[in-house]
Amino acid sequence: MDLLKTKQQISSYIIDSQEEEIKRISLELHEGVGQNLYSILTGLQFVESSTAEPHMKNYLREMSLLIKKTIQEIRLLSVELHPPALTTLGLLPAMKSYINCYTSTFGIIVEIESEGPERLIPEKNSIAVFRVCQEALANIAKYADTSHVKMNFIWTENELTIAIHDFGKGFQPEEQNDSMRLSGLAAMKERMLLIGGQCKISSKLGEGTSIEISLPLK
């Protein structure tokens, strides 16, 4: 029992350290690299408006469009790494914000519903749940071959339950040889166990995969 507890403490410490580094990188991308690119964009637009040579104007316009696209990609990456809404607004708004980015990237519509009043969750727990949902959606984009996902948040006084169903091609867990998928599913379960929750996964060929995440709130 002591060995198991020590292993869990080490795993929790590693995950917490990783999250702090991810948060730092996300902030640097948004406020450092992103702001620098925006300053370059402003300079290019000023030079473009000042030159009368058509060829140079076209070149500067193309460069401005490329930098705009890069700024947008950096913003999306920053949100994916650590959405600001997770700290300021809570889990559900952060999930909705991420889903907007997810749909624009993969073309998969995620129908999200919430039942009951949203409860305040400690940041460590909300990050863990967010990461598990993020991994679930990433797996759906990679493997499910679907265009529709349903995600349901159920809030009660004592528990948060999140049900995710992808309506995809499904798989048979006992015959699954994909080590990448298996390691991802195992990581999802471990993250929830470390915060006292659970992650259950079921799948049927031709019927899709269902994931149920549960977290005690007391």
N, C-alpha and C. Protein backbone atom coordinates (compact mmCIF):
# COMPACT_ATOMS: atom_id res chain seq x y z
N MET A 1 0.83 -1.21 0.00
CA MET A 1 0.00 0.00 0.00
C MET A 1 0.87 1.26 0.00
N ASP A 2 1.94 1.28 0.82
CA ASP A 2 2.84 2.43 0.88
C ASP A 2 3.53 2.64 -0.46
N LEU A 3 3.91 1.52 -1.12
CA LEU A 3 4.56 1.61 -2.42
C LEU A 3 3.62 2.21 -3.45
N LEU A 4 2.35 1.80 -3.43
CA LEU A 4 1.35 2.33 -4.35
C LEU A 4 1.13 3.82 -4.11
N LYS A 5 1.05 4.20 -2.82
CA LYS A 5 0.85 5.61 -2.48
C LYS A 5 2.02 6.45 -2.94
N THR A 6 3.25 5.93 -2.75
CA THR A 6 4.45 6.65 -3.18
C THR A 6 4.46 6.82 -4.70
N LYS A 7 4.08 5.77 -5.42
CA LYS A 7 4.03 5.83 -6.88
C LYS A 7 3.02 6.88 -7.34
N GLN A 8 1.87 6.93 -6.67
CA GLN A 8 0.85 7.91 -7.03
C GLN A 8 1.33 9.32 -6.74
N GLN A 9 2.04 9.50 -5.62
CA GLN A 9 2.57 10.82 -5.27
C GLN A 9 3.59 11.29 -6.31
N ILE A 10 4.44 10.36 -6.76
CA ILE A 10 5.45 10.69 -7.78
C ILE A 10 4.76 11.06 -9.09
N SER A 11 3.77 10.26 -9.49
CA SER A 11 3.02 10.53 -10.72
C SER A 11 2.34 11.89 -10.65
N SER A 12 1.73 12.18 -9.48
CA SER A 12 1.04 13.45 -9.30
C SER A 12 2.02 14.62 -9.38
N TYR A 13 3.20 14.46 -8.78
CA TYR A 13 4.23 15.51 -8.81
C TYR A 13 4.70 15.76 -10.25
N ILE A 14 4.93 14.69 -11.00
CA ILE A 14 5.38 14.82 -12.39
C ILE A 14 4.34 15.55 -13.23
N ILE A 15 3.06 15.14 -13.06
CA ILE A 15 1.99 15.78 -13.83
C ILE A 15 1.85 17.25 -13.47
N ASP A 16 1.91 17.57 -12.16
CA ASP A 16 1.82 18.97 -11.72
C ASP A 16 2.96 19.80 -12.30
N SER A 17 4.17 19.23 -12.31
CA SER A 17 5.33 19.94 -12.86
C SER A 17 5.16 20.18 -14.36
N GLN A 18 4.66 19.16 -15.06
CA GLN A 18 4.42 19.30 -16.49
C GLN A 18 3.39 20.39 -16.78
N GLU A 19 2.33 20.42 -15.98
CA GLU A 19 1.28 21.41 -16.19
C GLU A 19 1.80 22.83 -15.96
N GLU A 20 2.65 23.01 -14.96
CA GLU A 20 3.24 24.33 -14.71
C GLU A 20 4.08 24.78 -15.90
N GLU A 21 4.85 23.84 -16.48
CA GLU A 21 5.68 24.17 -17.63
C GLU A 21 4.82 24.45 -18.86
N ILE A 22 3.76 23.66 -19.05
CA ILE A 22 2.84 23.88 -20.17
C ILE A 22 2.19 25.25 -20.05
N LYS A 23 1.78 25.60 -18.82
CA LYS A 23 1.17 26.91 -18.58
C LYS A 23 2.14 28.04 -18.92
N ARG A 24 3.41 27.87 -18.54
CA ARG A 24 4.43 28.89 -18.83
C ARG A 24 4.63 29.04 -20.33
N ILE A 25 4.72 27.91 -21.04
CA ILE A 25 4.92 27.94 -22.49
C ILE A 25 3.73 28.59 -23.18
N SER A 26 2.53 28.25 -22.72
CA SER A 26 1.31 28.83 -23.30
C SER A 26 1.31 30.34 -23.16
N LEU A 27 1.67 30.82 -21.97
CA LEU A 27 1.71 32.27 -21.72
C LEU A 27 2.77 32.94 -22.57
N GLU A 28 3.93 32.29 -22.72
CA GLU A 28 5.01 32.85 -23.53
C GLU A 28 4.61 32.93 -25.00
N LEU A 29 3.94 31.90 -25.48
CA LEU A 29 3.47 31.90 -26.87
C LEU A 29 2.50 33.06 -27.12
N HIS A 30 1.57 33.22 -26.17
CA HIS A 30 0.53 34.22 -26.36
C HIS A 30 1.04 35.64 -26.17
N GLU A 31 1.74 35.86 -25.04
CA GLU A 31 2.15 37.22 -24.70
C GLU A 31 3.54 37.58 -25.21
N GLY A 32 4.37 36.58 -25.53
CA GLY A 32 5.71 36.83 -26.03
C GLY A 32 5.77 36.75 -27.54
N VAL A 33 5.76 35.52 -28.06
CA VAL A 33 5.87 35.31 -29.51
C VAL A 33 4.72 35.97 -30.25
N GLY A 34 3.50 35.79 -29.75
CA GLY A 34 2.32 36.35 -30.42
C GLY A 34 2.40 37.87 -30.51
N GLN A 35 2.78 38.52 -29.40
CA GLN A 35 2.86 39.98 -29.40
C GLN A 35 3.98 40.49 -30.31
N ASN A 36 5.10 39.77 -30.34
CA ASN A 36 6.20 40.16 -31.23
C ASN A 36 5.77 40.08 -32.70
N LEU A 37 5.07 39.01 -33.05
CA LEU A 37 4.58 38.87 -34.42
C LEU A 37 3.58 39.97 -34.77
N TYR A 38 2.75 40.34 -33.79
CA TYR A 38 1.78 41.40 -34.03
C TYR A 38 2.50 42.73 -34.29
N SER A 39 3.60 42.98 -33.59
CA SER A 39 4.38 44.21 -33.81
C SER A 39 5.00 44.21 -35.21
N ILE A 40 5.49 43.02 -35.63
CA ILE A 40 6.05 42.90 -36.98
C ILE A 40 4.96 43.14 -38.03
N LEU A 41 3.78 42.58 -37.78
CA LEU A 41 2.65 42.77 -38.70
C LEU A 41 2.30 44.24 -38.84
N THR A 42 2.25 44.96 -37.73
CA THR A 42 1.94 46.40 -37.76
C THR A 42 2.98 47.17 -38.57
N GLY A 43 4.26 46.79 -38.39
CA GLY A 43 5.34 47.43 -39.16
C GLY A 43 5.21 47.16 -40.65
N LEU A 44 4.92 45.92 -41.02
CA LEU A 44 4.75 45.57 -42.44
C LEU A 44 3.58 46.34 -43.06
N GLN A 45 2.49 46.45 -42.32
CA GLN A 45 1.32 47.17 -42.84
C GLN A 45 1.63 48.65 -43.02
N PHE A 46 2.45 49.21 -42.13
CA PHE A 46 2.85 50.62 -42.28
C PHE A 46 3.71 50.80 -43.53
N VAL A 47 4.68 49.89 -43.73
CA VAL A 47 5.55 49.98 -44.91
C VAL A 47 4.72 49.80 -46.18
N GLU A 48 3.76 48.88 -46.15
CA GLU A 48 2.91 48.64 -47.32
C GLU A 48 2.13 49.89 -47.70
N SER A 49 1.61 50.59 -46.69
CA SER A 49 0.82 51.80 -46.96
C SER A 49 1.70 52.96 -47.43
N SER A 50 3.01 52.83 -47.20
CA SER A 50 3.92 53.94 -47.55
C SER A 50 4.57 53.78 -48.91
N THR A 51 4.51 52.59 -49.48
CA THR A 51 5.16 52.36 -50.76
C THR A 51 4.15 52.43 -51.90
N ALA A 52 4.62 52.93 -53.05
CA ALA A 52 3.75 53.05 -54.22
C ALA A 52 4.06 51.98 -55.26
N GLU A 53 5.11 51.22 -55.08
CA GLU A 53 5.53 50.22 -56.06
C GLU A 53 4.63 48.99 -55.96
N PRO A 54 3.88 48.65 -57.03
CA PRO A 54 2.88 47.56 -56.96
C PRO A 54 3.47 46.21 -56.55
N HIS A 55 4.63 45.86 -57.12
CA HIS A 55 5.22 44.57 -56.81
C HIS A 55 5.56 44.48 -55.32
N MET A 56 6.13 45.54 -54.77
CA MET A 56 6.48 45.56 -53.35
C MET A 56 5.22 45.53 -52.49
N LYS A 57 4.16 46.24 -52.90
CA LYS A 57 2.91 46.24 -52.15
C LYS A 57 2.34 44.82 -52.07
N ASN A 58 2.33 44.11 -53.21
CA ASN A 58 1.81 42.74 -53.23
C ASN A 58 2.62 41.81 -52.33
N TYR A 59 3.95 41.99 -52.38
CA TYR A 59 4.83 41.15 -51.57
C TYR A 59 4.57 41.39 -50.08
N LEU A 60 4.48 42.66 -49.69
CA LEU A 60 4.25 43.00 -48.28
C LEU A 60 2.87 42.52 -47.82
N ARG A 61 1.88 42.58 -48.73
CA ARG A 61 0.54 42.11 -48.37
C ARG A 61 0.55 40.60 -48.13
N GLU A 62 1.27 39.87 -48.98
CA GLU A 62 1.38 38.41 -48.80
C GLU A 62 2.07 38.07 -47.49
N MET A 63 3.12 38.81 -47.16
CA MET A 63 3.81 38.58 -45.90
C MET A 63 2.91 38.88 -44.70
N SER A 64 2.09 39.94 -44.83
CA SER A 64 1.17 40.29 -43.75
C SER A 64 0.14 39.18 -43.53
N LEU A 65 -0.38 38.63 -44.63
CA LEU A 65 -1.36 37.54 -44.52
C LEU A 65 -0.74 36.30 -43.88
N LEU A 66 0.52 36.02 -44.23
CA LEU A 66 1.21 34.87 -43.65
C LEU A 66 1.40 35.05 -42.15
N ILE A 67 1.78 36.27 -41.74
CA ILE A 67 1.98 36.54 -40.31
C ILE A 67 0.64 36.48 -39.57
N LYS A 68 -0.44 36.98 -40.18
CA LYS A 68 -1.77 36.89 -39.56
C LYS A 68 -2.15 35.43 -39.31
N LYS A 69 -1.88 34.59 -40.30
CA LYS A 69 -2.19 33.16 -40.17
C LYS A 69 -1.36 32.53 -39.05
N THR A 70 -0.09 32.92 -38.99
CA THR A 70 0.80 32.39 -37.95
C THR A 70 0.35 32.83 -36.56
N ILE A 71 -0.08 34.09 -36.43
CA ILE A 71 -0.59 34.59 -35.15
C ILE A 71 -1.81 33.78 -34.71
N GLN A 72 -2.72 33.50 -35.66
CA GLN A 72 -3.91 32.73 -35.35
C GLN A 72 -3.54 31.31 -34.90
N GLU A 73 -2.57 30.69 -35.59
CA GLU A 73 -2.15 29.34 -35.24
C GLU A 73 -1.52 29.31 -33.84
N ILE A 74 -0.75 30.34 -33.51
CA ILE A 74 -0.13 30.42 -32.19
C ILE A 74 -1.20 30.59 -31.11
N ARG A 75 -2.21 31.40 -31.39
CA ARG A 75 -3.30 31.59 -30.43
C ARG A 75 -4.03 30.28 -30.18
N LEU A 76 -4.30 29.53 -31.25
CA LEU A 76 -4.98 28.25 -31.12
C LEU A 76 -4.13 27.26 -30.32
N LEU A 77 -2.82 27.24 -30.60
CA LEU A 77 -1.91 26.36 -29.88
C LEU A 77 -1.85 26.73 -28.41
N SER A 78 -1.84 28.02 -28.13
CA SER A 78 -1.80 28.50 -26.75
C SER A 78 -3.04 28.06 -25.98
N VAL A 79 -4.21 28.18 -26.63
CA VAL A 79 -5.46 27.76 -25.99
C VAL A 79 -5.47 26.25 -25.77
N GLU A 80 -4.94 25.52 -26.75
CA GLU A 80 -4.89 24.06 -26.63
C GLU A 80 -3.99 23.64 -25.47
N LEU A 81 -2.86 24.32 -25.31
CA LEU A 81 -1.94 23.98 -24.23
C LEU A 81 -2.54 24.30 -22.86
N HIS A 82 -3.08 25.50 -22.72
CA HIS A 82 -3.67 25.88 -21.43
C HIS A 82 -4.65 27.01 -21.66
N PRO A 83 -5.94 26.69 -21.82
CA PRO A 83 -6.93 27.74 -22.08
C PRO A 83 -7.06 28.69 -20.90
N PRO A 84 -6.98 30.01 -21.13
CA PRO A 84 -7.11 30.98 -20.03
C PRO A 84 -8.43 30.83 -19.28
N ALA A 85 -9.48 30.43 -20.01
CA ALA A 85 -10.80 30.30 -19.39
C ALA A 85 -10.81 29.24 -18.30
N LEU A 86 -9.90 28.29 -18.34
CA LEU A 86 -9.87 27.23 -17.34
C LEU A 86 -9.60 27.80 -15.95
N THR A 87 -8.75 28.80 -15.88
CA THR A 87 -8.42 29.42 -14.60
C THR A 87 -9.42 30.51 -14.23
N THR A 88 -9.84 31.30 -15.23
CA THR A 88 -10.67 32.46 -14.94
C THR A 88 -12.17 32.17 -14.89
N LEU A 89 -12.65 31.26 -15.75
CA LEU A 89 -14.10 31.03 -15.86
C LEU A 89 -14.54 29.65 -15.40
N GLY A 90 -13.63 28.67 -15.43
CA GLY A 90 -13.99 27.33 -14.99
C GLY A 90 -13.94 26.29 -16.10
N LEU A 91 -14.22 25.05 -15.71
CA LEU A 91 -14.07 23.91 -16.61
C LEU A 91 -15.00 23.96 -17.83
N LEU A 92 -16.28 24.19 -17.61
CA LEU A 92 -17.24 24.14 -18.72
C LEU A 92 -16.98 25.21 -19.78
N PRO A 93 -16.79 26.49 -19.40
CA PRO A 93 -16.46 27.49 -20.43
C PRO A 93 -15.15 27.17 -21.16
N ALA A 94 -14.16 26.64 -20.43
CA ALA A 94 -12.88 26.27 -21.05
C ALA A 94 -13.09 25.16 -22.07
N MET A 95 -13.94 24.19 -21.72
CA MET A 95 -14.22 23.09 -22.64
C MET A 95 -14.92 23.58 -23.89
N LYS A 96 -15.86 24.51 -23.73
CA LYS A 96 -16.58 25.08 -24.87
C LYS A 96 -15.62 25.85 -25.78
N SER A 97 -14.70 26.59 -25.16
CA SER A 97 -13.70 27.34 -25.93
C SER A 97 -12.81 26.39 -26.72
N TYR A 98 -12.37 25.31 -26.08
CA TYR A 98 -11.52 24.33 -26.76
C TYR A 98 -12.27 23.64 -27.89
N ILE A 99 -13.54 23.34 -27.68
CA ILE A 99 -14.34 22.66 -28.70
C ILE A 99 -14.48 23.53 -29.96
N ASN A 100 -14.57 24.84 -29.78
CA ASN A 100 -14.61 25.73 -30.95
C ASN A 100 -13.36 25.58 -31.80
N CYS A 101 -12.20 25.54 -31.14
CA CYS A 101 -10.92 25.34 -31.84
C CYS A 101 -10.88 23.94 -32.47
N TYR A 102 -11.34 22.96 -31.74
CA TYR A 102 -11.33 21.56 -32.18
C TYR A 102 -12.17 21.39 -33.45
N THR A 103 -13.38 21.96 -33.45
CA THR A 103 -14.26 21.85 -34.60
C THR A 103 -13.68 22.55 -35.82
N SER A 104 -13.09 23.73 -35.62
CA SER A 104 -12.50 24.45 -36.75
C SER A 104 -11.29 23.72 -37.32
N THR A 105 -10.61 22.93 -36.49
CA THR A 105 -9.42 22.19 -36.93
C THR A 105 -9.79 20.88 -37.61
N PHE A 106 -10.71 20.11 -37.01
CA PHE A 106 -11.00 18.76 -37.49
C PHE A 106 -12.33 18.62 -38.22
N GLY A 107 -13.17 19.64 -38.15
CA GLY A 107 -14.47 19.55 -38.81
C GLY A 107 -15.44 18.62 -38.11
N ILE A 108 -15.18 18.27 -36.86
CA ILE A 108 -16.04 17.37 -36.10
C ILE A 108 -16.94 18.22 -35.18
N ILE A 109 -18.25 18.07 -35.35
CA ILE A 109 -19.19 18.82 -34.53
C ILE A 109 -19.33 18.15 -33.17
N VAL A 110 -19.11 18.92 -32.11
CA VAL A 110 -19.26 18.41 -30.75
C VAL A 110 -20.46 19.08 -30.11
N GLU A 111 -21.49 18.27 -29.86
CA GLU A 111 -22.71 18.77 -29.22
C GLU A 111 -22.52 18.65 -27.71
N ILE A 112 -22.44 19.79 -27.05
CA ILE A 112 -22.15 19.78 -25.62
C ILE A 112 -23.37 20.28 -24.84
N GLU A 113 -23.75 19.52 -23.81
CA GLU A 113 -24.89 19.88 -22.97
C GLU A 113 -24.45 19.81 -21.51
N SER A 114 -25.12 20.59 -20.67
CA SER A 114 -24.80 20.59 -19.25
C SER A 114 -26.09 20.58 -18.45
N GLU A 115 -26.16 19.65 -17.49
CA GLU A 115 -27.33 19.52 -16.63
C GLU A 115 -26.94 19.83 -15.19
N GLY A 116 -27.72 20.70 -14.57
CA GLY A 116 -27.45 21.09 -13.19
C GLY A 116 -26.50 22.27 -13.12
N PRO A 117 -26.47 22.95 -11.97
CA PRO A 117 -25.59 24.12 -11.82
C PRO A 117 -24.12 23.71 -11.75
N GLU A 118 -23.29 24.42 -12.50
CA GLU A 118 -21.85 24.13 -12.49
C GLU A 118 -21.28 24.40 -11.10
N ARG A 119 -20.44 23.52 -10.64
CA ARG A 119 -19.83 23.63 -9.31
C ARG A 119 -18.37 24.06 -9.44
N LEU A 120 -17.88 24.72 -8.39
CA LEU A 120 -16.48 25.12 -8.36
C LEU A 120 -15.60 23.90 -8.11
N ILE A 121 -14.56 23.74 -8.96
CA ILE A 121 -13.63 22.61 -8.84
C ILE A 121 -12.23 23.16 -8.62
N PRO A 122 -11.45 22.57 -7.71
CA PRO A 122 -10.05 22.99 -7.54
C PRO A 122 -9.31 22.95 -8.87
N GLU A 123 -8.41 23.91 -9.07
CA GLU A 123 -7.72 24.04 -10.37
C GLU A 123 -7.03 22.74 -10.78
N LYS A 124 -6.36 22.08 -9.84
CA LYS A 124 -5.67 20.84 -10.16
C LYS A 124 -6.64 19.80 -10.74
N ASN A 125 -7.82 19.69 -10.14
CA ASN A 125 -8.81 18.73 -10.61
C ASN A 125 -9.40 19.13 -11.96
N SER A 126 -9.68 20.42 -12.12
CA SER A 126 -10.27 20.87 -13.39
C SER A 126 -9.28 20.69 -14.54
N ILE A 127 -7.98 20.89 -14.27
CA ILE A 127 -6.97 20.66 -15.30
C ILE A 127 -6.93 19.18 -15.69
N ALA A 128 -6.99 18.30 -14.68
CA ALA A 128 -6.96 16.87 -14.96
C ALA A 128 -8.16 16.45 -15.81
N VAL A 129 -9.35 16.90 -15.44
CA VAL A 129 -10.56 16.55 -16.20
C VAL A 129 -10.48 17.12 -17.61
N PHE A 130 -10.01 18.36 -17.73
CA PHE A 130 -9.86 18.98 -19.05
C PHE A 130 -8.92 18.15 -19.93
N ARG A 131 -7.79 17.71 -19.37
CA ARG A 131 -6.81 16.92 -20.13
C ARG A 131 -7.41 15.59 -20.59
N VAL A 132 -8.20 14.97 -19.73
CA VAL A 132 -8.82 13.69 -20.10
C VAL A 132 -9.81 13.90 -21.24
N CYS A 133 -10.63 14.95 -21.15
CA CYS A 133 -11.56 15.27 -22.24
C CYS A 133 -10.80 15.60 -23.52
N GLN A 134 -9.72 16.34 -23.38
CA GLN A 134 -8.88 16.71 -24.53
C GLN A 134 -8.31 15.46 -25.20
N GLU A 135 -7.82 14.52 -24.41
CA GLU A 135 -7.27 13.27 -24.95
C GLU A 135 -8.36 12.46 -25.61
N ALA A 136 -9.55 12.43 -25.01
CA ALA A 136 -10.68 11.70 -25.60
C ALA A 136 -11.02 12.27 -26.98
N LEU A 137 -11.08 13.58 -27.08
CA LEU A 137 -11.41 14.22 -28.36
C LEU A 137 -10.29 14.01 -29.39
N ALA A 138 -9.04 14.02 -28.93
CA ALA A 138 -7.92 13.77 -29.83
C ALA A 138 -7.99 12.35 -30.39
N ASN A 139 -8.32 11.37 -29.55
CA ASN A 139 -8.47 10.00 -30.00
C ASN A 139 -9.60 9.85 -31.01
N ILE A 140 -10.68 10.60 -30.76
CA ILE A 140 -11.82 10.56 -31.69
C ILE A 140 -11.39 11.07 -33.06
N ALA A 141 -10.64 12.17 -33.09
CA ALA A 141 -10.17 12.73 -34.36
C ALA A 141 -9.24 11.76 -35.09
N LYS A 142 -8.43 11.01 -34.33
CA LYS A 142 -7.47 10.09 -34.93
C LYS A 142 -8.10 8.79 -35.41
N TYR A 143 -9.02 8.24 -34.62
CA TYR A 143 -9.43 6.85 -34.83
C TYR A 143 -10.91 6.62 -35.15
N ALA A 144 -11.79 7.53 -34.74
CA ALA A 144 -13.22 7.18 -34.74
C ALA A 144 -13.88 7.23 -36.11
N ASP A 145 -13.35 8.07 -37.02
CA ASP A 145 -13.98 8.23 -38.34
C ASP A 145 -15.43 8.69 -38.17
N THR A 146 -15.60 9.83 -37.55
CA THR A 146 -16.93 10.36 -37.28
C THR A 146 -16.95 11.86 -37.50
N SER A 147 -18.14 12.42 -37.64
CA SER A 147 -18.29 13.87 -37.78
C SER A 147 -19.14 14.46 -36.67
N HIS A 148 -19.54 13.61 -35.71
CA HIS A 148 -20.45 14.06 -34.66
C HIS A 148 -20.08 13.43 -33.33
N VAL A 149 -19.97 14.25 -32.32
CA VAL A 149 -19.67 13.79 -30.96
C VAL A 149 -20.68 14.43 -30.01
N LYS A 150 -21.12 13.67 -29.04
CA LYS A 150 -22.01 14.22 -28.01
C LYS A 150 -21.29 14.18 -26.67
N MET A 151 -21.30 15.31 -25.97
CA MET A 151 -20.65 15.41 -24.66
C MET A 151 -21.66 15.98 -23.67
N ASN A 152 -21.87 15.27 -22.58
CA ASN A 152 -22.87 15.68 -21.61
C ASN A 152 -22.25 15.82 -20.22
N PHE A 153 -22.33 17.02 -19.65
CA PHE A 153 -21.89 17.30 -18.29
C PHE A 153 -23.10 17.17 -17.36
N ILE A 154 -22.99 16.38 -16.32
CA ILE A 154 -24.06 16.24 -15.33
C ILE A 154 -23.49 16.62 -13.97
N TRP A 155 -24.01 17.72 -13.42
CA TRP A 155 -23.55 18.24 -12.14
C TRP A 155 -24.56 17.90 -11.04
N THR A 156 -24.10 17.25 -10.00
CA THR A 156 -24.92 17.04 -8.81
C THR A 156 -24.17 17.63 -7.62
N GLU A 157 -24.77 17.56 -6.48
CA GLU A 157 -24.13 18.13 -5.28
C GLU A 157 -22.84 17.40 -4.95
N ASN A 158 -22.79 16.10 -5.25
CA ASN A 158 -21.65 15.30 -4.82
C ASN A 158 -20.72 14.85 -5.95
N GLU A 159 -21.13 15.02 -7.22
CA GLU A 159 -20.33 14.43 -8.29
C GLU A 159 -20.53 15.15 -9.62
N LEU A 160 -19.46 15.19 -10.39
CA LEU A 160 -19.53 15.62 -11.79
C LEU A 160 -19.32 14.38 -12.66
N THR A 161 -20.24 14.18 -13.61
CA THR A 161 -20.11 13.09 -14.56
C THR A 161 -20.08 13.68 -15.97
N ILE A 162 -19.14 13.23 -16.77
CA ILE A 162 -19.06 13.66 -18.16
C ILE A 162 -19.14 12.42 -19.05
N ALA A 163 -20.13 12.40 -19.91
CA ALA A 163 -20.30 11.29 -20.85
C ALA A 163 -19.97 11.77 -22.25
N ILE A 164 -19.09 11.04 -22.94
CA ILE A 164 -18.67 11.40 -24.31
C ILE A 164 -18.95 10.20 -25.21
N HIS A 165 -19.70 10.42 -26.28
CA HIS A 165 -19.97 9.34 -27.25
C HIS A 165 -19.67 9.87 -28.65
N ASP A 166 -18.94 9.05 -29.44
CA ASP A 166 -18.46 9.57 -30.74
C ASP A 166 -19.21 9.07 -31.97
N PHE A 167 -20.12 8.12 -31.85
CA PHE A 167 -20.91 7.61 -32.98
C PHE A 167 -20.01 7.13 -34.13
N GLY A 168 -18.78 6.73 -33.80
CA GLY A 168 -17.83 6.32 -34.84
C GLY A 168 -17.81 4.83 -35.08
N LYS A 169 -16.69 4.35 -35.62
CA LYS A 169 -16.60 2.94 -36.02
C LYS A 169 -16.34 2.00 -34.85
N GLY A 170 -15.89 2.52 -33.72
CA GLY A 170 -15.67 1.70 -32.54
C GLY A 170 -14.48 0.76 -32.69
N PHE A 171 -14.20 0.02 -31.61
CA PHE A 171 -13.12 -0.97 -31.63
C PHE A 171 -13.38 -2.00 -30.54
N GLN A 172 -12.66 -3.09 -30.61
CA GLN A 172 -12.76 -4.13 -29.58
C GLN A 172 -11.53 -4.05 -28.69
N PRO A 173 -11.69 -3.55 -27.46
CA PRO A 173 -10.52 -3.33 -26.59
C PRO A 173 -9.64 -4.56 -26.40
N GLU A 174 -10.24 -5.75 -26.32
CA GLU A 174 -9.45 -6.95 -26.08
C GLU A 174 -8.61 -7.36 -27.29
N GLU A 175 -8.96 -6.80 -28.47
CA GLU A 175 -8.20 -7.13 -29.67
C GLU A 175 -7.40 -5.94 -30.17
N GLN A 176 -7.33 -4.89 -29.36
CA GLN A 176 -6.67 -3.67 -29.79
C GLN A 176 -5.16 -3.79 -29.67
N ASN A 177 -4.46 -3.63 -30.81
CA ASN A 177 -3.00 -3.75 -30.83
C ASN A 177 -2.30 -2.40 -30.99
N ASP A 178 -3.08 -1.33 -30.99
CA ASP A 178 -2.52 0.00 -31.20
C ASP A 178 -1.95 0.51 -29.87
N SER A 179 -0.64 0.49 -29.72
CA SER A 179 -0.01 0.87 -28.46
C SER A 179 -0.22 2.34 -28.14
N MET A 180 -0.27 3.20 -29.18
CA MET A 180 -0.48 4.63 -28.95
C MET A 180 -1.85 4.87 -28.33
N ARG A 181 -2.87 4.21 -28.89
CA ARG A 181 -4.21 4.39 -28.34
C ARG A 181 -4.30 3.81 -26.93
N LEU A 182 -3.73 2.65 -26.73
CA LEU A 182 -3.79 2.01 -25.42
C LEU A 182 -3.09 2.86 -24.36
N SER A 183 -1.94 3.43 -24.70
CA SER A 183 -1.23 4.27 -23.73
C SER A 183 -2.02 5.52 -23.43
N GLY A 184 -2.71 6.07 -24.44
CA GLY A 184 -3.55 7.25 -24.21
C GLY A 184 -4.71 6.94 -23.30
N LEU A 185 -5.36 5.80 -23.50
CA LEU A 185 -6.48 5.40 -22.65
C LEU A 185 -6.01 5.15 -21.22
N ALA A 186 -4.85 4.53 -21.07
CA ALA A 186 -4.30 4.26 -19.75
C ALA A 186 -3.97 5.57 -19.02
N ALA A 187 -3.44 6.55 -19.76
CA ALA A 187 -3.10 7.85 -19.16
C ALA A 187 -4.36 8.57 -18.69
N MET A 188 -5.45 8.46 -19.45
CA MET A 188 -6.71 9.06 -19.06
C MET A 188 -7.20 8.48 -17.74
N LYS A 189 -7.16 7.15 -17.63
CA LYS A 189 -7.61 6.48 -16.40
C LYS A 189 -6.73 6.87 -15.21
N GLU A 190 -5.41 6.94 -15.44
CA GLU A 190 -4.49 7.27 -14.35
C GLU A 190 -4.70 8.70 -13.86
N ARG A 191 -4.90 9.63 -14.78
CA ARG A 191 -5.13 11.02 -14.38
C ARG A 191 -6.35 11.13 -13.46
N MET A 192 -7.42 10.43 -13.82
CA MET A 192 -8.62 10.50 -12.99
C MET A 192 -8.41 9.82 -11.64
N LEU A 193 -7.72 8.71 -11.62
CA LEU A 193 -7.46 8.01 -10.35
C LEU A 193 -6.66 8.91 -9.40
N LEU A 194 -5.72 9.68 -9.93
CA LEU A 194 -4.87 10.52 -9.10
C LEU A 194 -5.64 11.64 -8.40
N ILE A 195 -6.82 11.99 -8.92
CA ILE A 195 -7.62 13.04 -8.26
C ILE A 195 -8.88 12.44 -7.63
N GLY A 196 -8.89 11.11 -7.49
CA GLY A 196 -9.99 10.45 -6.81
C GLY A 196 -11.19 10.17 -7.68
N GLY A 197 -11.02 10.27 -9.01
CA GLY A 197 -12.13 10.03 -9.93
C GLY A 197 -11.95 8.74 -10.69
N GLN A 198 -12.78 8.58 -11.73
CA GLN A 198 -12.73 7.38 -12.56
C GLN A 198 -12.93 7.74 -14.02
N CYS A 199 -12.41 6.88 -14.89
CA CYS A 199 -12.62 7.02 -16.33
C CYS A 199 -12.92 5.63 -16.87
N LYS A 200 -14.14 5.45 -17.38
CA LYS A 200 -14.55 4.16 -17.92
C LYS A 200 -14.74 4.28 -19.44
N ILE A 201 -14.24 3.28 -20.15
CA ILE A 201 -14.28 3.31 -21.61
C ILE A 201 -14.93 2.04 -22.12
N SER A 202 -15.91 2.19 -23.00
CA SER A 202 -16.56 1.04 -23.63
C SER A 202 -16.72 1.32 -25.11
N SER A 203 -16.67 0.26 -25.92
CA SER A 203 -16.75 0.45 -27.37
C SER A 203 -17.31 -0.80 -28.04
N LYS A 204 -18.05 -0.58 -29.12
CA LYS A 204 -18.57 -1.67 -29.94
C LYS A 204 -18.33 -1.34 -31.40
N LEU A 205 -17.88 -2.32 -32.15
CA LEU A 205 -17.64 -2.11 -33.57
C LEU A 205 -18.93 -1.65 -34.26
N GLY A 206 -18.81 -0.57 -35.02
CA GLY A 206 -19.94 -0.04 -35.76
C GLY A 206 -20.88 0.82 -34.95
N GLU A 207 -20.68 0.90 -33.63
CA GLU A 207 -21.58 1.68 -32.78
C GLU A 207 -20.89 2.84 -32.06
N GLY A 208 -19.58 2.88 -32.16
CA GLY A 208 -18.86 3.99 -31.54
C GLY A 208 -18.28 3.67 -30.18
N THR A 209 -17.64 4.67 -29.61
CA THR A 209 -16.98 4.54 -28.31
C THR A 209 -17.59 5.51 -27.31
N SER A 210 -17.78 5.03 -26.09
CA SER A 210 -18.31 5.87 -25.01
C SER A 210 -17.28 5.98 -23.90
N ILE A 211 -17.13 7.18 -23.39
CA ILE A 211 -16.22 7.43 -22.28
C ILE A 211 -17.02 8.11 -21.18
N GLU A 212 -16.91 7.60 -19.97
CA GLU A 212 -17.59 8.21 -18.82
C GLU A 212 -16.56 8.61 -17.78
N ILE A 213 -16.53 9.90 -17.49
CA ILE A 213 -15.60 10.45 -16.51
C ILE A 213 -16.41 10.86 -15.29
N SER A 214 -15.97 10.48 -14.13
CA SER A 214 -16.67 10.87 -12.91
C SER A 214 -15.68 11.42 -11.89
N LEU A 215 -16.10 12.47 -11.20
CA LEU A 215 -15.25 13.13 -10.21
C LEU A 215 -16.08 13.50 -8.99
N PRO A 216 -15.75 12.96 -7.81
CA PRO A 216 -16.46 13.39 -6.59
C PRO A 216 -16.20 14.87 -6.33
N LEU A 217 -17.22 15.58 -5.88
CA LEU A 217 -17.09 17.02 -5.64
C LEU A 217 -17.01 17.34 -4.16
N LYS A 218 -16.99 16.32 -3.31
CA LYS A 218 -16.84 16.56 -1.88
C LYS A 218 -15.74 15.67 -1.36
